[in-house]
């Protein structure tokens, strides 16, 4: 569960505890997050959500980085039929 007031949220995801903050920045709902460490590895990143002007499309950008320097980025586009 995520609150949008900018306060810290804690959620369990598998063996990790995710620390996150979600807030509006212009027309984007942005969640910055990081995980607890497990076996010497942790992760951090950002989820950026937006909706098109006509509300026909919504986008989720996913950006993540491991404590070992590996990066992953993805963009999901959802279209209303």
Protein backbone atom coordinates (compact mmCIF):
# COMPACT_ATOMS: atom_id res chain seq x y z
CA UNK A 1 0.00 0.00 0.00
CA UNK A 2 1.25 3.48 -0.85
CA UNK A 3 0.14 6.84 0.52
CA UNK A 4 0.55 9.93 -1.68
CA UNK A 5 1.34 12.51 0.98
CA UNK A 6 5.11 12.12 0.80
CA UNK A 7 5.42 10.15 4.04
CA UNK A 8 7.40 6.94 4.22
CA UNK A 9 5.63 3.64 3.53
CA UNK A 10 6.99 0.18 4.38
CA UNK A 11 5.90 -2.88 2.42
CA UNK A 12 7.14 -6.47 2.30
CA UNK A 13 8.05 -7.88 -1.12
CA UNK A 14 9.48 -11.38 -0.91
CA UNK A 15 12.52 -11.23 1.37
CA UNK A 16 12.85 -7.42 1.05
CA UNK A 17 11.26 -4.55 2.96
CA UNK A 18 10.53 -1.71 0.53
CA UNK A 19 10.86 1.83 1.92
CA UNK A 20 9.03 4.27 -0.35
CA UNK A 21 7.69 7.81 -0.63
CA UNK A 22 5.03 8.78 -3.16
CA UNK A 23 4.05 12.29 -4.13
CA UNK A 24 2.72 14.34 -7.03
CA UNK A 25 5.20 16.29 -9.15
CA UNK A 26 3.29 18.29 -11.74
CA UNK A 27 1.10 15.72 -13.56
CA UNK A 28 3.23 12.74 -12.49
CA UNK A 29 2.75 10.49 -9.48
CA UNK A 30 6.29 9.54 -8.44
CA UNK A 31 7.35 6.82 -6.03
CA UNK A 32 10.98 6.73 -4.94
CA UNK A 33 11.93 3.53 -3.18
CA UNK A 34 14.76 1.44 -1.76
CA UNK A 35 14.95 -1.99 -0.23
CA UNK A 36 16.50 -3.47 2.85
CA UNK A 37 19.75 -5.34 2.34
CA UNK A 38 19.73 -9.10 1.88
CA UNK A 39 22.89 -11.17 1.41
CA UNK A 40 24.84 -8.00 0.63
CA UNK A 41 22.44 -6.76 -2.05
CA UNK A 42 19.85 -3.98 -2.07
CA UNK A 43 17.93 -2.03 -4.70
CA UNK A 44 16.67 1.51 -5.24
CA UNK A 45 14.61 3.19 -7.89
CA UNK A 46 11.68 5.25 -9.02
CA UNK A 47 8.24 4.57 -10.48
CA UNK A 48 6.73 7.42 -12.50
CA UNK A 49 3.02 7.24 -13.35
CA UNK A 50 1.16 9.56 -15.72
CA UNK A 51 -2.12 9.74 -17.62
CA UNK A 52 -2.56 11.29 -21.09
CA UNK A 53 -4.61 14.47 -21.54
CA UNK A 54 -7.64 12.55 -22.81
CA UNK A 55 -7.25 9.81 -20.18
CA UNK A 56 -6.94 7.26 -23.00
CA UNK A 57 -3.43 6.18 -22.02
CA UNK A 58 -1.53 5.75 -18.79
CA UNK A 59 2.20 5.22 -18.54
CA UNK A 60 4.35 3.61 -15.87
CA UNK A 61 8.10 4.24 -16.07
CA UNK A 62 10.22 1.89 -13.96
CA UNK A 63 13.82 2.74 -13.06
CA UNK A 64 15.89 0.52 -10.77
CA UNK A 65 19.50 0.11 -9.71
CA UNK A 66 21.16 -2.60 -7.63
CA UNK A 67 23.80 -1.95 -4.98
CA UNK A 68 26.21 -3.67 -7.38
CA UNK A 69 25.59 -0.99 -10.03
CA UNK A 70 23.30 -2.91 -12.40
CA UNK A 71 20.50 -0.80 -13.91
CA UNK A 72 17.10 -1.72 -15.33
CA UNK A 73 14.59 0.58 -17.01
CA UNK A 74 11.20 -0.15 -18.55
CA UNK A 75 8.16 1.76 -19.79
CA UNK A 76 4.69 0.23 -19.69
CA UNK A 77 1.96 1.88 -21.78
CA UNK A 78 -1.68 1.10 -21.04
CA UNK A 79 -4.33 2.05 -23.64
CA UNK A 80 -8.05 2.26 -22.97
CA UNK A 81 -10.16 0.39 -25.53
